[in-house]
């Protein structure tokens, strides 16, 4: 996450004052050597690959922060977050792949950095690589699993993450459902929120919001990363040398990185990334199998889907996009319940022949399940389109209403799970909708500009 911040901030180089502003900041970066004595590495591909590691380090947090953001407990000295970032050779695209922390991994032979004990290859959860061998073993393990050569390594802990978010003035994120996690203290109502550093840490750490645990947390981390990029590239920070230096000092002075990832290198990248926007970034997570693998003394581990993982990392090596992005998707309203989980019966409440069949086809095209047989409503002079729903399916009703902006929501107790849409004289077209998160197991990628809030009219109907 910090690496993308640094790359985004480096866009200031294109203004012509970047080098003067960045002068002297390089010495503030703590350096590590994750590539020491590494052999038999993957072949380099086109573009640039950066491994982003978020650790659970909390040694420098204050007692007030510990209490406010529930950062108690002992750190495991492992990685909470691992992301592989690929910058295309033409600097027009950034691809970010989240690596599940509980992924099944075979640790390469190494010397334990704490005990000095020599270890043979053995199975672990991926996040344990840092605990046993620090950045070097983490890079070796990731390269072995992905066959992608890592060019740079960047690391951030709890404190530096919070300082970065506060330095840019907070980051705005949006959610279509309430997010409440008693473990981290996160409690966000549906809608937009500007998060400060501590709140942002709660947001990206929470994993007890639903039954998906770390998988949905990775998706929130990706949304936050896109929002952070938008904040940095879309604000006046990049055009104000004084403000920029303040942010850069916070960002660069609190991260760890390899010696080759200098501020000069970042500025050179910034020059080549003129016009970079959230739409230039794409995000995905390595899909995992439904069945976990039990490892003695370790517990359940997540096993990657081999075919899908090979496709993802092959795209990075070959400098290809992770997915073909549909520009219409970014215009779709983000909804709580995925349309694929909702069944709709369309009724034509107007004298216009064929209107019901037209709406039925459009609903199926945007993902809804329909009867395929639109019928005429009892009242053929309906003025306003109405969504009738059983109160037990109120969340699904709001998703359907989002596809008919301005529609009236009307409870119909006892109707059951199929929702009815009575088309009125105001109906013109079905507005596309999509779920906030990709369906579980999906291998597509989410583009940065697709991370948006629900449209105001849809939110008002909720």
Protein backbone atom coordinates (compact mmCIF):
# COMPACT_ATOMS: atom_id res chain seq x y z
CA UNK A 1 0.00 0.00 0.00
CA UNK A 2 2.81 2.40 0.87
CA UNK A 3 4.57 1.69 -2.40
CA UNK A 4 1.54 2.74 -4.40
CA UNK A 5 1.30 5.89 -2.29
CA UNK A 6 4.93 6.65 -3.02
CA UNK A 7 4.48 6.01 -6.73
CA UNK A 8 1.39 8.17 -6.86
CA UNK A 9 3.05 11.00 -4.94
CA UNK A 10 6.00 10.80 -7.32
CA UNK A 11 3.78 12.06 -10.12
CA UNK A 12 4.81 15.52 -8.88
CA UNK A 13 7.99 14.99 -10.86
CA UNK A 14 6.07 15.89 -14.00
CA UNK A 15 5.49 19.41 -12.63
CA UNK A 16 9.19 20.24 -12.84
CA UNK A 17 9.73 20.85 -9.10
CA UNK A 18 9.92 17.24 -7.99
CA UNK A 19 13.68 16.92 -7.66
CA UNK A 20 14.02 20.09 -5.62
CA UNK A 21 11.22 19.06 -3.27
CA UNK A 22 12.46 15.49 -2.85
CA UNK A 23 16.05 16.52 -2.18
CA UNK A 24 17.31 14.94 1.03
CA UNK A 25 14.30 12.68 1.62
CA UNK A 26 16.01 9.50 0.48
CA UNK A 27 18.03 9.28 3.66
CA UNK A 28 14.85 8.97 5.72
CA UNK A 29 13.94 5.58 4.27
CA UNK A 30 15.02 2.58 6.36
CA UNK A 31 16.80 0.15 4.06
CA UNK A 32 16.62 -3.65 3.96
CA UNK A 33 18.32 -6.18 1.70
CA UNK A 34 15.67 -8.72 0.66
CA UNK A 35 17.70 -9.97 -2.32
CA UNK A 36 20.89 -10.89 -0.46
CA UNK A 37 22.61 -14.01 -1.84
CA UNK A 38 19.47 -15.03 -3.76
CA UNK A 39 20.02 -17.63 -6.49
CA UNK A 40 17.91 -19.49 -9.03
CA UNK A 41 15.47 -16.62 -9.34
CA UNK A 42 12.70 -16.42 -11.98
CA UNK A 43 13.52 -14.75 -15.25
CA UNK A 44 12.74 -11.06 -15.42
CA UNK A 45 9.72 -10.12 -17.51
CA UNK A 46 8.60 -6.78 -18.92
CA UNK A 47 7.55 -4.07 -16.51
CA UNK A 48 8.33 -3.63 -12.81
CA UNK A 49 7.27 -5.89 -9.91
CA UNK A 50 7.07 -4.65 -6.31
CA UNK A 51 6.22 -6.78 -3.28
CA UNK A 52 4.20 -4.78 -0.75
CA UNK A 53 4.29 -6.13 2.81
CA UNK A 54 2.11 -4.85 5.63
CA UNK A 55 3.35 -6.12 9.00
CA UNK A 56 1.60 -6.16 12.38
CA UNK A 57 4.39 -4.08 13.95
CA UNK A 58 2.96 -1.87 16.70
CA UNK A 59 5.99 -1.01 18.84
CA UNK A 60 5.67 2.75 18.32
CA UNK A 61 1.91 3.21 18.74
CA UNK A 62 0.72 5.27 21.68
CA UNK A 63 -1.43 3.92 24.50
CA UNK A 64 -4.23 6.20 23.34
CA UNK A 65 -4.07 4.70 19.84
CA UNK A 66 -3.90 1.19 21.30
CA UNK A 67 -7.14 1.76 23.20
CA UNK A 68 -8.99 3.76 20.54
CA UNK A 69 -8.29 1.38 17.66
CA UNK A 70 -8.05 -1.87 19.66
CA UNK A 71 -4.44 -2.59 18.80
CA UNK A 72 -3.73 -4.63 21.91
CA UNK A 73 -2.25 -8.10 21.97
CA UNK A 74 1.16 -9.30 21.02
CA UNK A 75 2.36 -8.91 17.43
CA UNK A 76 3.20 -12.10 15.57
CA UNK A 77 6.03 -10.33 13.68
CA UNK A 78 4.48 -11.65 10.48
CA UNK A 79 2.83 -10.09 7.43
CA UNK A 80 -0.83 -9.11 7.78
CA UNK A 81 -0.92 -8.16 4.11
CA UNK A 82 1.02 -9.18 1.01
CA UNK A 83 0.38 -7.60 -2.37
CA UNK A 84 2.25 -8.06 -5.61
CA UNK A 85 2.21 -4.85 -7.66
CA UNK A 86 3.10 -4.81 -11.35
CA UNK A 87 3.77 -1.57 -13.23
CA UNK A 88 3.49 -2.14 -16.97
CA UNK A 89 6.48 -1.43 -19.19
CA UNK A 90 4.68 1.52 -20.82
CA UNK A 91 3.71 2.87 -17.36
CA UNK A 92 0.04 3.01 -18.32
CA UNK A 93 -1.25 0.33 -15.95
CA UNK A 94 -0.71 -0.96 -12.43
CA UNK A 95 -1.92 -4.47 -11.57
CA UNK A 96 -2.26 -5.39 -7.89
CA UNK A 97 -2.64 -9.02 -6.78
CA UNK A 98 -3.45 -9.79 -3.14
CA UNK A 99 -1.83 -12.95 -1.77
CA UNK A 100 -3.97 -14.53 1.01
CA UNK A 101 -1.97 -14.52 4.24
CA UNK A 102 -3.13 -18.03 5.16
CA UNK A 103 -2.08 -19.49 1.80
CA UNK A 104 -0.43 -22.91 1.89
CA UNK A 105 3.26 -22.37 1.15
CA UNK A 106 6.36 -24.56 1.08
CA UNK A 107 9.11 -22.64 2.84
CA UNK A 108 12.50 -22.82 1.08
CA UNK A 109 15.51 -24.02 3.11
CA UNK A 110 16.80 -21.18 5.28
CA UNK A 111 18.34 -20.08 8.55
CA UNK A 112 15.89 -18.90 11.20
CA UNK A 113 16.63 -15.22 11.82
CA UNK A 114 15.74 -15.50 15.52
CA UNK A 115 17.20 -18.84 16.64
CA UNK A 116 19.85 -19.31 13.98
CA UNK A 117 18.54 -22.82 13.39
CA UNK A 118 18.86 -24.31 9.92
CA UNK A 119 15.49 -25.29 8.44
CA UNK A 120 14.73 -27.69 5.65
CA UNK A 121 11.80 -27.01 3.29
CA UNK A 122 8.54 -27.31 5.24
CA UNK A 123 4.88 -26.30 4.83
CA UNK A 124 3.64 -23.10 6.48
CA UNK A 125 1.09 -20.35 6.08
CA UNK A 126 2.49 -17.70 3.75
CA UNK A 127 2.53 -14.95 6.38
CA UNK A 128 4.95 -17.01 8.51
CA UNK A 129 7.78 -16.48 6.02
CA UNK A 130 8.43 -13.03 7.47
CA UNK A 131 8.51 -14.33 11.04
CA UNK A 132 11.08 -17.01 10.19
CA UNK A 133 13.29 -15.15 7.74
CA UNK A 134 12.19 -11.53 7.34
CA UNK A 135 11.97 -9.74 3.98
CA UNK A 136 14.51 -12.04 2.30
CA UNK A 137 12.61 -15.25 3.02
CA UNK A 138 9.33 -13.54 2.17
CA UNK A 139 10.63 -12.57 -1.27
CA UNK A 140 12.11 -16.03 -1.87
CA UNK A 141 8.83 -17.73 -0.91
CA UNK A 142 6.67 -15.46 -3.06
CA UNK A 143 8.97 -15.82 -6.08
CA UNK A 144 8.86 -19.60 -5.73
CA UNK A 145 5.06 -19.65 -5.53
CA UNK A 146 4.39 -17.15 -8.34
CA UNK A 147 7.42 -17.56 -10.63
CA UNK A 148 7.43 -13.75 -10.84
CA UNK A 149 10.75 -11.97 -10.26
CA UNK A 150 10.48 -9.25 -7.60
CA UNK A 151 12.30 -6.01 -8.49
CA UNK A 152 11.59 -4.02 -5.31
CA UNK A 153 10.38 -4.63 -1.77
CA UNK A 154 8.46 -2.13 0.41
CA UNK A 155 7.24 -2.66 3.97
CA UNK A 156 4.87 -0.69 6.23
CA UNK A 157 3.70 -1.25 9.84
CA UNK A 158 0.67 0.01 11.79
CA UNK A 159 2.19 3.34 12.81
CA UNK A 160 3.56 4.31 9.40
CA UNK A 161 0.25 3.38 7.77
CA UNK A 162 -1.71 5.69 10.06
CA UNK A 163 0.80 8.52 9.59
CA UNK A 164 0.53 8.26 5.82
CA UNK A 165 -3.26 8.45 5.79
CA UNK A 166 -3.24 11.44 8.15
CA UNK A 167 -0.56 13.14 6.03
CA UNK A 168 -2.81 13.18 2.94
CA UNK A 169 -5.75 14.49 4.99
CA UNK A 170 -7.64 11.22 5.27
CA UNK A 171 -9.13 8.96 2.61
CA UNK A 172 -12.76 8.72 1.52
CA UNK A 173 -14.23 5.25 1.16
CA UNK A 174 -17.79 4.10 0.53
CA UNK A 175 -19.78 1.09 1.66
CA UNK A 176 -23.22 -0.15 0.67
CA UNK A 177 -23.79 -2.03 3.94
CA UNK A 178 -23.05 -1.46 7.58
CA UNK A 179 -19.56 -2.61 8.54
CA UNK A 180 -19.19 -3.52 12.21
CA UNK A 181 -16.34 -5.54 13.71
CA UNK A 182 -16.16 -5.86 17.49
CA UNK A 183 -12.53 -7.00 17.27
CA UNK A 184 -11.20 -3.82 15.64
CA UNK A 185 -13.97 -1.44 16.71
CA UNK A 186 -14.91 -0.61 13.11
CA UNK A 187 -18.49 0.64 12.84
CA UNK A 188 -19.48 2.34 9.58
CA UNK A 189 -23.00 3.04 8.36
CA UNK A 190 -23.78 2.65 4.65
CA UNK A 191 -22.53 5.57 2.59
CA UNK A 192 -19.36 7.66 2.20
CA UNK A 193 -16.86 8.17 5.02
CA UNK A 194 -13.60 10.11 5.30
CA UNK A 195 -11.29 7.98 7.42
CA UNK A 196 -8.32 9.26 9.37
CA UNK A 197 -5.26 7.07 9.93
CA UNK A 198 -6.65 5.11 12.88
CA UNK A 199 -10.05 4.55 11.29
CA UNK A 200 -8.39 3.51 8.03
CA UNK A 201 -6.34 0.95 9.95
CA UNK A 202 -9.54 -0.46 11.44
CA UNK A 203 -11.05 -0.64 7.95
CA UNK A 204 -8.18 -2.54 6.33
CA UNK A 205 -7.63 -4.86 9.34
CA UNK A 206 -11.24 -5.98 9.97
CA UNK A 207 -11.88 -9.62 9.15
CA UNK A 208 -14.89 -10.45 11.37
CA UNK A 209 -17.61 -8.68 9.38
CA UNK A 210 -18.99 -11.76 7.67
CA UNK A 211 -18.14 -15.40 7.11
CA UNK A 212 -15.46 -14.79 4.48
CA UNK A 213 -12.75 -13.61 6.89
CA UNK A 214 -9.50 -12.62 5.21
CA UNK A 215 -10.90 -12.89 1.66
CA UNK A 216 -13.32 -9.98 2.05
CA UNK A 217 -10.67 -8.07 4.00
CA UNK A 218 -8.36 -8.25 0.97
CA UNK A 219 -11.12 -6.76 -1.17
CA UNK A 220 -11.52 -3.88 1.29
CA UNK A 221 -7.77 -3.34 1.25
CA UNK A 222 -7.90 -3.11 -2.53
CA UNK A 223 -10.77 -0.61 -2.43
CA UNK A 224 -8.85 1.45 0.09
CA UNK A 225 -5.74 1.36 -2.06
CA UNK A 226 -7.71 2.64 -5.06
CA UNK A 227 -9.26 5.38 -2.91
CA UNK A 228 -5.83 6.34 -1.57
CA UNK A 229 -4.45 6.62 -5.09
CA UNK A 230 -7.41 8.80 -6.08
CA UNK A 231 -6.82 11.00 -3.04
CA UNK A 232 -3.16 11.55 -3.83
CA UNK A 233 -3.50 12.04 -7.58
CA UNK A 234 -6.74 14.04 -7.45
CA UNK A 235 -5.95 16.49 -4.65
CA UNK A 236 -3.86 19.64 -4.68
CA UNK A 237 -1.04 17.89 -2.84
CA UNK A 238 0.87 17.19 -6.03
CA UNK A 239 0.79 20.81 -7.16
CA UNK A 240 1.82 22.39 -3.86
CA UNK A 241 5.57 21.94 -3.20
CA UNK A 242 5.31 22.75 0.51
CA UNK A 243 2.34 20.45 1.09
CA UNK A 244 3.93 17.78 -1.06
CA UNK A 245 7.13 17.80 0.94
CA UNK A 246 5.16 17.36 4.17
CA UNK A 247 3.36 14.34 2.77
CA UNK A 248 6.50 12.91 1.19
CA UNK A 249 8.41 13.19 4.46
CA UNK A 250 5.72 11.22 6.24
CA UNK A 251 5.37 8.61 3.50
CA UNK A 252 9.04 8.02 2.80
CA UNK A 253 10.33 8.54 6.32
CA UNK A 254 8.31 5.73 7.84
CA UNK A 255 8.70 2.85 5.41
CA UNK A 256 11.32 0.15 4.81
CA UNK A 257 12.47 -0.58 1.28
CA UNK A 258 15.31 -2.12 -0.67
CA UNK A 259 18.25 0.14 -1.48
CA UNK A 260 17.42 0.24 -5.17
CA UNK A 261 14.00 1.79 -4.65
CA UNK A 262 15.28 5.35 -4.20
CA UNK A 263 13.35 8.59 -4.35
CA UNK A 264 15.22 9.31 -7.59
CA UNK A 265 13.81 6.07 -8.98
CA UNK A 266 10.32 7.04 -7.83
CA UNK A 267 10.60 10.42 -9.49
CA UNK A 268 11.70 8.85 -12.76
CA UNK A 269 8.65 6.60 -12.60
CA UNK A 270 6.49 9.60 -11.83
CA UNK A 271 7.62 11.38 -14.97
CA UNK A 272 6.52 8.40 -17.03
CA UNK A 273 3.15 8.12 -15.24
CA UNK A 274 1.64 11.45 -16.28
CA UNK A 275 -2.13 11.17 -16.36
CA UNK A 276 -2.22 8.15 -14.04
CA UNK A 277 -5.70 7.79 -12.47
CA UNK A 278 -7.59 5.11 -10.47
CA UNK A 279 -8.81 3.77 -13.82
CA UNK A 280 -5.19 2.91 -14.58
CA UNK A 281 -5.09 0.40 -11.71
CA UNK A 282 -6.63 -3.07 -11.55
CA UNK A 283 -7.00 -5.34 -8.54
CA UNK A 284 -7.57 -9.03 -7.91
CA UNK A 285 -6.88 -11.74 -5.31
CA UNK A 286 -5.50 -15.20 -5.92
CA UNK A 287 -8.56 -17.52 -5.96
CA UNK A 288 -8.49 -20.34 -3.43
CA UNK A 289 -10.13 -23.74 -3.29
CA UNK A 290 -13.22 -24.27 -1.15
CA UNK A 291 -11.57 -27.06 0.82
CA UNK A 292 -8.82 -25.95 3.18
CA UNK A 293 -5.71 -28.07 3.69
CA UNK A 294 -5.00 -29.16 7.26
CA UNK A 295 -1.32 -28.98 8.19
CA UNK A 296 -0.19 -30.54 11.50
CA UNK A 297 0.79 -27.95 14.15
CA UNK A 298 -0.31 -25.14 11.80
CA UNK A 299 -4.01 -25.64 11.15
CA UNK A 300 -6.10 -24.94 8.07
CA UNK A 301 -4.35 -23.34 5.11
CA UNK A 302 -5.78 -21.93 1.88
CA UNK A 303 -4.81 -23.70 -1.33
CA UNK A 304 -4.61 -21.65 -4.49
CA UNK A 305 -6.58 -22.69 -7.55
CA UNK A 306 -3.68 -23.72 -9.73
CA UNK A 307 -5.15 -22.88 -13.14
CA UNK A 308 -6.41 -19.45 -12.13
CA UNK A 309 -3.21 -18.57 -10.25
CA UNK A 310 -1.11 -19.57 -13.26
CA UNK A 311 -3.19 -17.28 -15.48
CA UNK A 312 -2.82 -14.31 -13.10
CA UNK A 313 0.93 -14.59 -12.64
CA UNK A 314 1.43 -15.40 -16.31
CA UNK A 315 -0.25 -12.08 -17.14
CA UNK A 316 2.18 -10.26 -14.83
CA UNK A 317 5.21 -11.95 -16.38
CA UNK A 318 3.97 -11.20 -19.89
CA UNK A 319 2.96 -7.63 -18.99
CA UNK A 320 -0.70 -8.18 -19.91
CA UNK A 321 -3.84 -6.80 -18.17
CA UNK A 322 -5.40 -9.15 -15.63
CA UNK A 323 -8.78 -8.89 -17.33
CA UNK A 324 -10.67 -7.26 -20.19
CA UNK A 325 -12.42 -4.37 -18.48
CA UNK A 326 -15.92 -3.34 -19.53
CA UNK A 327 -16.14 0.45 -19.46
CA UNK A 328 -19.88 0.16 -18.73
CA UNK A 329 -19.12 -1.55 -15.42
CA UNK A 330 -17.79 1.65 -13.87
CA UNK A 331 -21.18 3.29 -14.56
CA UNK A 332 -23.13 0.57 -12.76
CA UNK A 333 -24.62 1.32 -9.35
CA UNK A 334 -22.93 -0.58 -6.53
CA UNK A 335 -25.47 -2.59 -4.51
CA UNK A 336 -25.53 -4.70 -1.38
CA UNK A 337 -27.07 -7.95 -2.64
CA UNK A 338 -25.64 -9.24 -5.96
CA UNK A 339 -28.29 -9.25 -8.72
CA UNK A 340 -27.36 -12.88 -9.46
CA UNK A 341 -28.97 -13.85 -6.15
CA UNK A 342 -32.33 -12.18 -6.89
CA UNK A 343 -35.33 -13.43 -8.89
CA UNK A 344 -37.71 -10.91 -10.43
CA UNK A 345 -41.14 -11.09 -12.07
CA UNK A 346 -41.79 -8.17 -14.44
CA UNK A 347 -45.32 -6.79 -14.92
CA UNK A 348 -46.23 -4.19 -17.53
CA UNK A 349 -48.37 -1.48 -15.94
CA UNK A 350 -48.61 0.58 -19.13
CA UNK A 351 -50.47 0.18 -22.44
CA UNK A 352 -47.15 0.02 -24.33
CA UNK A 353 -46.86 -3.40 -25.93
CA UNK A 354 -43.59 -5.30 -25.41
CA UNK A 355 -42.36 -3.04 -22.61
CA UNK A 356 -42.40 -5.88 -20.08
CA UNK A 357 -40.34 -8.19 -22.31
CA UNK A 358 -37.85 -5.35 -22.91
CA UNK A 359 -37.38 -4.81 -19.17
CA UNK A 360 -37.11 -8.56 -18.54
CA UNK A 361 -34.27 -8.90 -21.06
CA UNK A 362 -32.47 -5.86 -19.64
CA UNK A 363 -32.70 -7.25 -16.10
CA UNK A 364 -31.21 -10.56 -17.19
CA UNK A 365 -28.42 -8.71 -19.02
CA UNK A 366 -27.40 -6.95 -15.81
CA UNK A 367 -27.39 -10.21 -13.84
CA UNK A 368 -30.86 -10.66 -12.33
CA UNK A 369 -32.73 -13.93 -12.51
CA UNK A 370 -36.11 -13.38 -14.17
CA UNK A 371 -39.08 -15.53 -15.07
CA UNK A 372 -38.46 -14.81 -18.74
CA UNK A 373 -42.20 -14.27 -19.13
CA UNK A 374 -43.30 -10.72 -18.46
CA UNK A 375 -47.03 -10.34 -17.78
CA UNK A 376 -49.54 -7.51 -17.88
CA UNK A 377 -50.36 -5.84 -14.57
CA UNK A 378 -53.94 -5.52 -13.36
CA UNK A 379 -53.63 -1.73 -13.61
CA UNK A 380 -52.44 -0.70 -17.09
CA UNK A 381 -52.30 2.99 -16.13
CA UNK A 382 -49.55 2.89 -13.52
CA UNK A 383 -47.74 6.23 -13.33
CA UNK A 384 -44.70 5.27 -11.23
CA UNK A 385 -42.66 2.08 -11.45
CA UNK A 386 -43.10 0.06 -8.25
CA UNK A 387 -41.02 -2.70 -6.66
CA UNK A 388 -43.15 -5.00 -4.49
CA UNK A 389 -41.27 -7.16 -2.00
CA UNK A 390 -41.70 -9.38 1.01
CA UNK A 391 -40.17 -7.51 3.99
CA UNK A 392 -37.92 -10.50 4.60
CA UNK A 393 -36.17 -9.63 1.33
CA UNK A 394 -35.82 -5.87 1.92
CA UNK A 395 -32.10 -5.81 1.04
CA UNK A 396 -32.82 -7.50 -2.29
CA UNK A 397 -35.58 -4.96 -2.89
CA UNK A 398 -33.11 -2.10 -2.59
CA UNK A 399 -30.90 -3.77 -5.19
CA UNK A 400 -33.84 -4.05 -7.60
CA UNK A 401 -34.86 -0.44 -6.92
CA UNK A 402 -31.34 0.67 -7.86
CA UNK A 403 -31.98 -0.78 -11.33
CA UNK A 404 -35.09 1.42 -11.61
CA UNK A 405 -34.02 4.89 -10.38
CA UNK A 406 -37.01 6.75 -8.93
CA UNK A 407 -39.05 3.58 -8.41
CA UNK A 408 -41.31 3.23 -5.37
CA UNK A 409 -40.60 0.48 -2.85
CA UNK A 410 -43.76 -1.16 -1.52
CA UNK A 411 -43.85 -3.96 1.07
CA UNK A 412 -46.00 -6.99 0.25
CA UNK A 413 -45.97 -9.37 3.26
CA UNK A 414 -46.21 -13.03 2.31
CA UNK A 415 -45.12 -12.49 -1.31
CA UNK A 416 -42.09 -14.73 -0.92
CA UNK A 417 -38.62 -14.55 -2.38
CA UNK A 418 -39.57 -13.47 -5.91
CA UNK A 419 -39.78 -9.69 -6.25
CA UNK A 420 -42.35 -8.04 -8.53
CA UNK A 421 -41.61 -4.99 -10.65
CA UNK A 422 -44.65 -3.16 -12.02
CA UNK A 423 -43.51 -0.87 -14.82
CA UNK A 424 -45.01 2.61 -14.82
CA UNK A 425 -45.26 5.38 -17.38
CA UNK A 426 -42.00 6.79 -15.98
CA UNK A 427 -39.96 3.73 -17.01
CA UNK A 428 -37.35 4.32 -19.70
CA UNK A 429 -34.58 1.77 -19.14
CA UNK A 430 -32.99 -0.61 -16.65
CA UNK A 431 -29.93 0.91 -15.00
CA UNK A 432 -27.02 -1.57 -14.62
CA UNK A 433 -26.08 -2.62 -11.09
CA UNK A 434 -23.25 -4.71 -9.66
CA UNK A 435 -22.16 -6.11 -6.34
CA UNK A 436 -19.57 -4.24 -4.30
CA UNK A 437 -17.29 -7.28 -4.31
CA UNK A 438 -16.68 -9.76 -7.16
CA UNK A 439 -18.50 -13.09 -6.67
CA UNK A 440 -16.56 -15.52 -4.48
CA UNK A 441 -14.14 -17.50 -6.60
CA UNK A 442 -14.22 -15.00 -9.45
CA UNK A 443 -10.94 -14.58 -11.28
CA UNK A 444 -11.62 -11.23 -12.90
CA UNK A 445 -10.04 -7.97 -11.83
CA UNK A 446 -11.65 -4.85 -10.42
CA UNK A 447 -10.55 -1.55 -11.91
CA UNK A 448 -9.85 1.42 -9.65
CA UNK A 449 -12.62 3.60 -11.07
CA UNK A 450 -15.12 0.82 -10.40
CA UNK A 451 -14.69 1.34 -6.65
CA UNK A 452 -17.49 3.86 -6.26
CA UNK A 453 -20.35 4.82 -3.95
CA UNK A 454 -23.96 4.00 -4.86
CA UNK A 455 -25.68 6.63 -6.96
CA UNK A 456 -27.49 9.25 -4.81
CA UNK A 457 -30.93 8.33 -6.10
CA UNK A 458 -30.37 4.64 -5.36
CA UNK A 459 -29.05 5.41 -1.90
CA UNK A 460 -32.06 7.62 -1.23
CA UNK A 461 -34.42 4.74 -1.98
CA UNK A 462 -32.58 2.49 0.48
